[in-house]
Structure formats: C-alpha cells, structure tokens
N, C-alpha and C. Protein backbone atom coordinates (compact mmCIF):
# COMPACT_ATOMS: atom_id res chain seq x y z
N UNK A 1 39.25 -0.74 -16.16
CA UNK A 1 38.56 -1.78 -15.21
C UNK A 1 37.24 -2.14 -16.00
N UNK A 2 37.07 -3.43 -16.13
CA UNK A 2 36.10 -4.09 -16.87
C UNK A 2 34.65 -4.08 -16.08
N UNK A 3 33.69 -3.21 -16.76
CA UNK A 3 32.49 -3.06 -16.07
C UNK A 3 31.32 -3.97 -16.48
N UNK A 4 31.92 -5.16 -17.10
CA UNK A 4 30.59 -6.09 -17.32
C UNK A 4 30.78 -6.78 -16.13
N UNK A 5 29.55 -7.47 -15.99
CA UNK A 5 29.33 -8.26 -14.71
C UNK A 5 29.75 -9.88 -15.20
N UNK A 6 30.51 -10.55 -14.42
CA UNK A 6 31.04 -11.66 -14.68
C UNK A 6 30.28 -12.81 -13.76
N UNK A 7 29.18 -13.27 -14.11
CA UNK A 7 28.61 -14.26 -13.25
C UNK A 7 29.07 -15.28 -13.00
N UNK A 8 30.27 -16.03 -13.66
CA UNK A 8 30.84 -16.98 -13.21
C UNK A 8 31.70 -16.97 -12.10
N UNK A 9 32.18 -15.40 -11.92
CA UNK A 9 33.00 -15.16 -10.91
C UNK A 9 32.40 -14.63 -9.62
N UNK A 10 31.19 -14.19 -9.84
CA UNK A 10 30.42 -13.55 -8.91
C UNK A 10 29.55 -14.69 -8.00
N UNK A 11 29.61 -14.55 -6.96
CA UNK A 11 28.87 -15.45 -6.03
C UNK A 11 27.73 -14.94 -5.52
N UNK A 12 26.62 -14.96 -5.82
CA UNK A 12 25.39 -14.58 -5.37
C UNK A 12 24.46 -15.81 -5.34
N UNK A 13 24.19 -15.72 -3.94
CA UNK A 13 23.19 -16.92 -3.49
C UNK A 13 21.79 -16.92 -4.11
N UNK A 14 21.44 -18.17 -4.67
CA UNK A 14 20.26 -18.10 -5.42
C UNK A 14 19.63 -19.52 -5.08
N UNK A 15 18.42 -19.78 -5.61
CA UNK A 15 17.95 -20.92 -5.33
C UNK A 15 17.88 -21.77 -6.50
N UNK A 16 17.66 -21.00 -7.89
CA UNK A 16 17.66 -21.79 -9.14
C UNK A 16 18.20 -20.68 -10.36
N UNK A 17 18.77 -21.33 -11.41
CA UNK A 17 19.23 -20.39 -12.48
C UNK A 17 17.71 -20.62 -13.28
N UNK A 18 17.13 -19.62 -13.75
CA UNK A 18 16.26 -19.53 -14.52
C UNK A 18 16.37 -20.54 -16.05
N UNK A 19 15.24 -21.07 -16.18
CA UNK A 19 15.41 -22.04 -17.31
C UNK A 19 15.11 -21.40 -18.78
N UNK A 20 15.87 -21.50 -19.91
CA UNK A 20 15.33 -21.37 -21.13
C UNK A 20 15.65 -19.75 -21.31
N UNK A 21 15.52 -19.35 -22.80
CA UNK A 21 15.88 -18.19 -23.13
C UNK A 21 15.05 -16.95 -22.41
N UNK A 22 15.78 -15.97 -22.19
CA UNK A 22 15.33 -14.70 -21.41
C UNK A 22 14.29 -13.96 -22.55
N UNK A 23 13.08 -13.78 -21.73
CA UNK A 23 11.95 -13.14 -22.51
C UNK A 23 11.28 -13.96 -23.19
N UNK A 24 11.17 -15.22 -22.94
CA UNK A 24 10.23 -16.33 -23.51
C UNK A 24 9.14 -16.76 -22.60
N UNK A 25 9.35 -16.61 -21.52
CA UNK A 25 8.41 -17.16 -20.46
C UNK A 25 8.50 -18.88 -20.31
N UNK A 26 9.61 -19.31 -20.86
CA UNK A 26 10.16 -20.70 -20.71
C UNK A 26 10.07 -21.14 -19.24
N UNK A 27 10.59 -20.72 -18.48
CA UNK A 27 10.55 -21.31 -17.05
C UNK A 27 9.21 -21.41 -16.73
N UNK A 28 8.28 -20.42 -16.63
CA UNK A 28 6.90 -20.63 -16.13
C UNK A 28 6.19 -21.69 -16.97
N UNK A 29 6.54 -21.77 -18.23
CA UNK A 29 5.58 -22.88 -19.27
C UNK A 29 6.41 -24.24 -18.63
N UNK A 30 7.52 -24.42 -18.35
CA UNK A 30 8.04 -25.61 -17.99
C UNK A 30 7.75 -26.29 -16.68
N UNK A 31 7.27 -25.43 -15.57
CA UNK A 31 7.00 -25.72 -14.54
C UNK A 31 5.79 -26.25 -14.15
N UNK A 32 5.09 -27.30 -14.82
CA UNK A 32 3.87 -27.53 -14.58
C UNK A 32 3.72 -28.17 -13.14
N UNK A 33 4.66 -28.75 -12.42
CA UNK A 33 4.48 -29.39 -11.17
C UNK A 33 4.36 -28.16 -10.17
N UNK A 34 5.04 -27.09 -10.23
CA UNK A 34 5.27 -26.03 -9.35
C UNK A 34 3.88 -25.21 -9.62
N UNK A 35 3.59 -25.13 -10.90
CA UNK A 35 2.25 -24.48 -11.20
C UNK A 35 0.92 -25.15 -10.32
N UNK A 36 0.97 -26.30 -10.91
CA UNK A 36 -0.15 -27.14 -10.24
C UNK A 36 -0.15 -27.03 -8.46
N UNK A 37 1.00 -27.12 -8.06
CA UNK A 37 1.14 -27.01 -6.33
C UNK A 37 0.47 -25.51 -6.22
N UNK A 38 0.89 -24.55 -6.88
CA UNK A 38 0.47 -23.18 -6.74
C UNK A 38 -1.19 -23.28 -7.06
N UNK A 39 -1.60 -23.80 -7.81
CA UNK A 39 -3.14 -23.66 -7.92
C UNK A 39 -3.85 -24.40 -6.73
N UNK A 40 -3.01 -25.41 -6.22
CA UNK A 40 -3.90 -25.96 -4.77
C UNK A 40 -3.82 -25.04 -3.65
N UNK A 41 -2.94 -23.95 -3.88
CA UNK A 41 -2.84 -23.02 -2.73
C UNK A 41 -3.99 -21.79 -2.94
N UNK A 42 -4.39 -21.77 -4.04
CA UNK A 42 -5.42 -20.46 -4.47
C UNK A 42 -6.34 -20.47 -3.48
N UNK A 43 -7.15 -21.40 -3.19
CA UNK A 43 -8.30 -21.33 -1.97
C UNK A 43 -7.73 -20.99 -0.98
N UNK A 44 -6.51 -21.31 -0.45
CA UNK A 44 -6.07 -21.01 1.01
C UNK A 44 -5.90 -19.27 0.89
N UNK A 45 -5.36 -18.78 -0.23
CA UNK A 45 -4.97 -17.69 -0.27
C UNK A 45 -6.46 -16.81 -0.34
N UNK A 46 -7.33 -17.26 -1.10
CA UNK A 46 -8.49 -16.35 -1.17
C UNK A 46 -9.27 -16.32 0.12
N UNK A 47 -9.12 -17.60 0.78
CA UNK A 47 -9.82 -17.82 2.12
C UNK A 47 -9.17 -16.67 3.18
N UNK A 48 -7.85 -16.62 3.02
CA UNK A 48 -7.17 -15.72 3.98
C UNK A 48 -7.49 -14.29 3.48
N UNK A 49 -7.58 -14.07 2.47
CA UNK A 49 -8.10 -12.67 1.82
C UNK A 49 -9.48 -12.31 2.24
N UNK A 50 -10.27 -13.08 2.56
CA UNK A 50 -11.74 -12.87 3.06
C UNK A 50 -11.60 -12.28 4.44
N UNK A 51 -10.38 -12.76 5.35
CA UNK A 51 -10.45 -12.38 6.71
C UNK A 51 -9.66 -10.81 6.77
N UNK A 52 -9.10 -10.38 5.70
CA UNK A 52 -8.68 -8.92 5.75
C UNK A 52 -9.55 -8.09 5.46
N UNK A 53 -9.27 -6.89 6.42
CA UNK A 53 -10.10 -5.86 6.28
C UNK A 53 -9.57 -4.89 5.08
N UNK A 54 -10.36 -4.80 4.25
CA UNK A 54 -9.98 -4.05 2.87
C UNK A 54 -10.42 -2.82 2.96
N UNK A 55 -9.83 -1.62 2.91
CA UNK A 55 -10.24 -0.25 2.95
C UNK A 55 -10.27 0.20 1.61
N UNK A 56 -11.34 0.29 0.87
CA UNK A 56 -11.42 0.60 -0.63
C UNK A 56 -10.87 2.16 -0.89
N UNK A 57 -10.50 2.79 0.17
CA UNK A 57 -9.90 4.15 0.20
C UNK A 57 -8.48 4.26 0.17
N UNK A 58 -8.08 3.17 0.46
CA UNK A 58 -6.39 2.96 0.63
C UNK A 58 -5.93 1.88 -0.32
N UNK A 59 -4.77 2.27 -1.06
CA UNK A 59 -3.97 1.21 -1.77
C UNK A 59 -3.71 0.01 -1.03
N UNK A 60 -4.17 -1.14 -1.78
CA UNK A 60 -4.06 -2.58 -1.31
C UNK A 60 -2.49 -2.78 -1.79
N UNK A 61 -1.61 -3.23 -0.87
CA UNK A 61 -0.36 -3.70 -1.56
C UNK A 61 -0.08 -5.18 -1.17
N UNK A 62 0.35 -5.84 -2.24
CA UNK A 62 0.90 -7.08 -1.64
C UNK A 62 2.05 -7.63 -2.67
N UNK A 63 2.71 -8.78 -2.15
CA UNK A 63 4.20 -9.13 -2.79
C UNK A 63 3.68 -10.39 -3.42
N UNK A 64 4.31 -10.66 -4.79
CA UNK A 64 4.39 -12.01 -5.31
C UNK A 64 5.79 -12.33 -5.20
N UNK A 65 5.99 -13.40 -4.30
CA UNK A 65 7.22 -14.05 -3.85
C UNK A 65 7.43 -15.17 -5.19
N UNK A 66 7.24 -15.06 -6.26
CA UNK A 66 7.19 -16.07 -7.18
C UNK A 66 6.18 -17.02 -7.14
N UNK A 67 5.08 -16.80 -6.70
CA UNK A 67 3.91 -17.87 -6.74
C UNK A 67 2.73 -17.29 -7.45
N UNK A 68 2.97 -16.24 -8.25
CA UNK A 68 2.04 -15.55 -8.99
C UNK A 68 0.74 -14.69 -7.78
N UNK A 69 -0.06 -14.02 -8.57
CA UNK A 69 -1.01 -13.20 -7.71
C UNK A 69 -2.19 -13.90 -7.16
N UNK A 70 -1.96 -15.39 -7.36
CA UNK A 70 -3.13 -16.13 -6.52
C UNK A 70 -4.56 -15.99 -6.79
N UNK A 71 -4.80 -15.19 -7.99
CA UNK A 71 -6.07 -14.40 -8.21
C UNK A 71 -6.67 -13.39 -7.10
N UNK A 72 -5.70 -12.90 -6.43
CA UNK A 72 -6.02 -11.48 -5.55
C UNK A 72 -6.56 -10.49 -6.36
N UNK A 73 -5.92 -10.13 -7.32
CA UNK A 73 -6.65 -8.98 -8.11
C UNK A 73 -7.98 -9.15 -8.61
N UNK A 74 -8.11 -10.38 -9.26
CA UNK A 74 -9.49 -10.67 -9.54
C UNK A 74 -10.38 -10.66 -8.64
N UNK A 75 -10.11 -11.23 -7.40
CA UNK A 75 -10.97 -11.53 -6.27
C UNK A 75 -11.35 -9.96 -5.93
N UNK A 76 -10.30 -9.12 -5.66
CA UNK A 76 -10.49 -7.79 -5.03
C UNK A 76 -11.42 -6.78 -6.18
N UNK A 77 -11.02 -7.17 -7.32
CA UNK A 77 -11.98 -6.24 -8.37
C UNK A 77 -13.39 -6.84 -8.44
N UNK A 78 -13.69 -8.07 -8.41
CA UNK A 78 -14.85 -8.64 -8.20
C UNK A 78 -15.73 -8.04 -7.18
N UNK A 79 -15.14 -8.03 -5.92
CA UNK A 79 -15.77 -7.57 -4.66
C UNK A 79 -15.94 -6.23 -4.55
N UNK A 80 -15.03 -5.29 -5.11
CA UNK A 80 -14.85 -3.96 -4.80
C UNK A 80 -14.92 -3.07 -6.18
N UNK A 81 -14.96 -3.77 -7.34
CA UNK A 81 -14.90 -2.73 -8.42
C UNK A 81 -13.54 -2.16 -8.66
N UNK A 82 -13.69 -1.25 -8.94
CA UNK A 82 -12.17 -0.50 -9.51
C UNK A 82 -11.42 0.08 -8.29
N UNK A 83 -12.02 0.10 -7.12
CA UNK A 83 -11.33 0.47 -5.87
C UNK A 83 -11.16 -0.61 -4.96
N UNK A 84 -10.20 -0.55 -4.19
CA UNK A 84 -9.01 0.20 -4.11
C UNK A 84 -8.19 0.06 -5.09
N UNK A 85 -7.09 1.16 -5.19
CA UNK A 85 -5.89 0.78 -6.07
C UNK A 85 -5.01 -0.54 -5.51
N UNK A 86 -4.54 -0.95 -6.47
CA UNK A 86 -3.91 -2.57 -6.10
C UNK A 86 -2.58 -1.98 -6.78
N UNK A 87 -1.60 -2.46 -5.77
CA UNK A 87 -0.03 -2.59 -6.07
C UNK A 87 0.55 -3.69 -5.95
N UNK A 88 1.03 -4.45 -6.84
CA UNK A 88 1.70 -5.68 -6.71
C UNK A 88 3.26 -5.54 -6.76
N UNK A 89 3.95 -6.22 -5.95
CA UNK A 89 5.49 -6.06 -6.12
C UNK A 89 5.82 -7.46 -6.33
N UNK A 90 6.94 -7.59 -7.32
CA UNK A 90 7.36 -8.81 -7.88
C UNK A 90 8.91 -8.84 -7.17
N UNK A 91 8.90 -9.79 -6.36
CA UNK A 91 10.09 -10.04 -5.71
C UNK A 91 10.81 -11.44 -6.14
N UNK A 92 12.06 -11.38 -6.46
CA UNK A 92 12.83 -12.92 -6.89
C UNK A 92 14.26 -12.37 -6.85
N UNK A 93 15.13 -13.47 -7.24
CA UNK A 93 16.27 -13.25 -6.89
C UNK A 93 16.80 -12.48 -8.27
N UNK A 94 18.03 -11.84 -8.13
CA UNK A 94 18.49 -11.23 -9.19
C UNK A 94 18.66 -11.79 -10.42
N UNK A 95 18.94 -13.18 -10.45
CA UNK A 95 19.01 -13.71 -11.87
C UNK A 95 17.43 -14.03 -12.47
N UNK A 96 16.63 -13.65 -11.82
CA UNK A 96 15.11 -14.03 -12.36
C UNK A 96 15.13 -13.28 -13.73
N UNK A 97 14.25 -14.21 -14.34
CA UNK A 97 14.02 -13.46 -15.92
C UNK A 97 12.77 -12.41 -15.65
N UNK A 98 13.18 -11.12 -15.24
CA UNK A 98 12.20 -10.37 -15.14
C UNK A 98 11.62 -9.96 -16.34
N UNK A 99 12.45 -9.98 -17.35
CA UNK A 99 11.70 -9.70 -19.05
C UNK A 99 10.60 -10.30 -19.20
N UNK A 100 10.55 -11.42 -19.13
CA UNK A 100 9.17 -12.42 -19.10
C UNK A 100 8.22 -11.96 -18.27
N UNK A 101 8.56 -11.66 -16.96
CA UNK A 101 7.43 -11.13 -15.95
C UNK A 101 6.86 -9.82 -16.76
N UNK A 102 7.77 -8.87 -17.31
CA UNK A 102 7.19 -7.64 -17.70
C UNK A 102 6.44 -7.77 -19.04
N UNK A 103 6.94 -8.65 -19.67
CA UNK A 103 6.13 -9.10 -21.31
C UNK A 103 4.96 -9.67 -20.67
N UNK A 104 4.62 -10.60 -19.62
CA UNK A 104 3.54 -11.38 -19.41
C UNK A 104 2.57 -10.26 -19.00
N UNK A 105 3.12 -9.39 -18.18
CA UNK A 105 2.13 -8.42 -17.40
C UNK A 105 1.67 -7.47 -18.40
N UNK A 106 2.17 -7.04 -19.62
CA UNK A 106 1.79 -6.33 -20.74
C UNK A 106 1.06 -7.10 -21.80
N UNK A 107 0.95 -8.56 -21.61
CA UNK A 107 0.43 -9.34 -22.53
C UNK A 107 1.06 -9.58 -23.93
N UNK A 108 2.39 -9.55 -23.64
CA UNK A 108 3.14 -9.60 -25.08
C UNK A 108 4.02 -10.74 -25.23
N UNK A 109 3.97 -11.74 -24.08
CA UNK A 109 4.68 -13.03 -24.42
C UNK A 109 4.01 -13.81 -25.62
N UNK A 110 4.84 -14.43 -26.46
CA UNK A 110 4.57 -14.98 -27.49
C UNK A 110 3.72 -16.42 -26.94
N UNK A 111 2.58 -16.74 -27.59
CA UNK A 111 1.63 -17.76 -27.03
C UNK A 111 1.28 -17.82 -25.50
N UNK A 112 1.35 -16.58 -25.18
CA UNK A 112 0.84 -16.40 -23.81
C UNK A 112 -0.33 -17.15 -23.16
N UNK A 113 -0.35 -18.05 -22.48
CA UNK A 113 -1.38 -18.91 -21.93
C UNK A 113 -2.14 -17.91 -20.63
N UNK A 114 -1.45 -17.51 -19.67
CA UNK A 114 -1.85 -16.79 -18.47
C UNK A 114 -2.06 -15.19 -19.18
N UNK A 115 -3.35 -14.93 -18.48
CA UNK A 115 -4.05 -13.57 -18.79
C UNK A 115 -3.41 -12.61 -17.52
N UNK A 116 -3.21 -11.43 -17.93
CA UNK A 116 -2.66 -10.47 -17.21
C UNK A 116 -3.62 -9.41 -16.44
N UNK A 117 -3.31 -9.53 -15.08
CA UNK A 117 -4.14 -8.57 -14.24
C UNK A 117 -3.92 -7.20 -14.54
N UNK A 118 -2.95 -6.78 -15.10
CA UNK A 118 -2.49 -5.34 -15.23
C UNK A 118 -3.29 -5.04 -16.42
N UNK A 119 -3.40 -5.89 -17.60
CA UNK A 119 -4.08 -5.40 -18.50
C UNK A 119 -5.45 -5.45 -18.57
N UNK A 120 -6.03 -6.41 -17.72
CA UNK A 120 -7.62 -6.73 -17.59
C UNK A 120 -8.09 -5.82 -16.55
N UNK A 121 -7.46 -5.58 -15.41
CA UNK A 121 -8.05 -4.70 -14.54
C UNK A 121 -7.70 -3.06 -14.40
N UNK A 122 -8.60 -2.24 -14.10
CA UNK A 122 -8.14 -0.72 -13.99
C UNK A 122 -7.66 -0.59 -12.61
N UNK A 123 -6.92 0.48 -12.61
CA UNK A 123 -6.38 0.79 -11.09
C UNK A 123 -5.50 -0.07 -10.64
N UNK A 124 -4.64 -0.76 -11.35
CA UNK A 124 -3.54 -1.75 -10.95
C UNK A 124 -2.11 -1.34 -11.18
N UNK A 125 -1.23 -1.47 -10.17
CA UNK A 125 0.15 -0.93 -10.40
C UNK A 125 1.16 -1.86 -9.94
N UNK A 126 2.28 -1.98 -10.66
CA UNK A 126 3.28 -3.17 -10.41
C UNK A 126 4.68 -2.70 -9.95
N UNK A 127 5.36 -3.22 -9.54
CA UNK A 127 6.89 -2.93 -9.40
C UNK A 127 7.64 -4.26 -9.18
N UNK A 128 8.85 -4.08 -9.13
CA UNK A 128 9.72 -5.30 -9.14
C UNK A 128 11.11 -5.03 -8.21
N UNK A 129 11.36 -6.08 -7.67
CA UNK A 129 12.75 -5.61 -6.75
C UNK A 129 13.39 -7.08 -6.95
N UNK A 130 14.83 -7.03 -7.58
CA UNK A 130 15.37 -8.19 -7.99
C UNK A 130 16.47 -8.46 -6.51
N UNK A 131 15.96 -8.63 -5.61
CA UNK A 131 16.77 -9.32 -4.34
C UNK A 131 16.30 -10.44 -3.80
N UNK A 132 17.00 -11.00 -3.02
CA UNK A 132 16.78 -12.35 -2.31
C UNK A 132 15.43 -12.23 -1.49
N UNK A 133 14.36 -13.17 -1.34
CA UNK A 133 13.21 -12.59 -0.44
C UNK A 133 13.63 -13.23 0.79
N UNK A 134 14.94 -13.75 1.01
CA UNK A 134 15.59 -14.19 2.23
C UNK A 134 15.76 -12.91 3.20
N UNK A 135 15.88 -11.69 2.25
CA UNK A 135 16.36 -10.20 3.05
C UNK A 135 15.27 -9.20 2.96
N UNK A 136 15.37 -8.50 3.79
CA UNK A 136 14.39 -7.14 3.85
C UNK A 136 14.65 -6.29 2.65
N UNK A 137 13.84 -6.15 1.90
CA UNK A 137 14.18 -5.41 0.65
C UNK A 137 13.05 -4.41 0.19
N UNK A 138 11.50 -4.73 0.46
CA UNK A 138 10.46 -3.74 0.08
C UNK A 138 10.13 -2.88 1.15
N UNK A 139 10.32 -3.26 2.38
CA UNK A 139 9.66 -2.34 3.38
C UNK A 139 10.80 -1.86 4.55
N UNK A 140 10.38 -0.94 5.08
CA UNK A 140 11.36 -0.44 6.43
C UNK A 140 10.46 -1.24 7.76
N UNK A 141 11.43 -1.47 8.59
CA UNK A 141 10.92 -2.26 9.82
C UNK A 141 9.66 -1.39 10.44
N UNK A 142 8.63 -2.49 10.53
CA UNK A 142 7.45 -1.95 11.20
C UNK A 142 6.32 -1.76 10.13
N UNK A 143 6.57 -1.53 8.77
CA UNK A 143 5.51 -1.88 7.76
C UNK A 143 4.93 -3.30 7.54
N UNK A 144 3.68 -3.05 7.34
CA UNK A 144 3.18 -4.34 6.82
C UNK A 144 2.61 -4.48 5.59
N UNK A 145 3.00 -5.62 4.79
CA UNK A 145 2.28 -5.74 3.56
C UNK A 145 1.84 -7.27 3.26
N UNK A 146 1.03 -7.26 2.71
CA UNK A 146 0.20 -8.54 2.53
C UNK A 146 1.05 -9.52 1.35
N UNK A 147 1.16 -10.69 1.55
CA UNK A 147 2.06 -11.41 0.70
C UNK A 147 1.52 -12.51 0.14
N UNK A 148 1.76 -13.00 -1.01
CA UNK A 148 1.39 -14.25 -1.64
C UNK A 148 2.54 -15.03 -2.03
C-alpha cells in the first residue's frame, strides 16, 4: 500500500492553497491587501482586550485564526510585564505553510520583516493545529478561549 499522501486525489476542503515555496513566508509577504485589512482591525482587537479581566496568575490563551496576534502579546507584556504566561495557538487549514509560521516565530525567515513575539517576550508559548477552523479542534465543549 502506498503510504504517500496524494493531494491531487484527496479531497480536503480548504479556502485557498498557500502561495509560494514552503518555508519562505511568500504567502504572508504577497498578501498586502489582507495585511492592510488586518492592520485596520488592530484597534478593535486591542479595545476588546481592554474589556477582558486578565488574571496575571493564570495563563492567557488565545487563538490566531490566520490574522496574526494583533499585537495582543505586546499589549499584555506592556501592561502586565512577564506575567501572565501567554499561550498562542495557531490554527489553519491542513495545507497551510506551517513551516513559514514556525520559522517566523523563531526569527529565522530570510529577510523577515515581522518581529516575533515569541523571541521578543518572555513567558510566551505556542502551539499549532492543522485543522479547519470551521470545526471544533482546540477545545472541548464548554471551554472558553480568546480568539483573534
């Protein structure tokens, strides 16, 4: 039996096929319109964050559904210092270029323009989930997670 995944014959629902060579950050660099739209949402995300009761003794969890961290980590570190621990889960379709995501987090993308909260701030943690965000994947029913 052939163990190799044949993507051409496998039907997996997805919203887009990532653009460019894997591990180069090409998709992020090419999506200027998407990036500009995301920048417009930063004030909204930060205003919503101000309304959340953050307990510096408990881990602050949130999910990145493909829109970046919206400056949430920087905001929390500016306001609270190195507490609380911050855990960011990256969720995207199985065909996402997670290699670029992980290289960006470590500051290892060639000609990286975006700074990494993971390398810049202490007490931050990351994980990733390669499933559609249209399905429940990260939490069990009844759990609450902040999302961006």
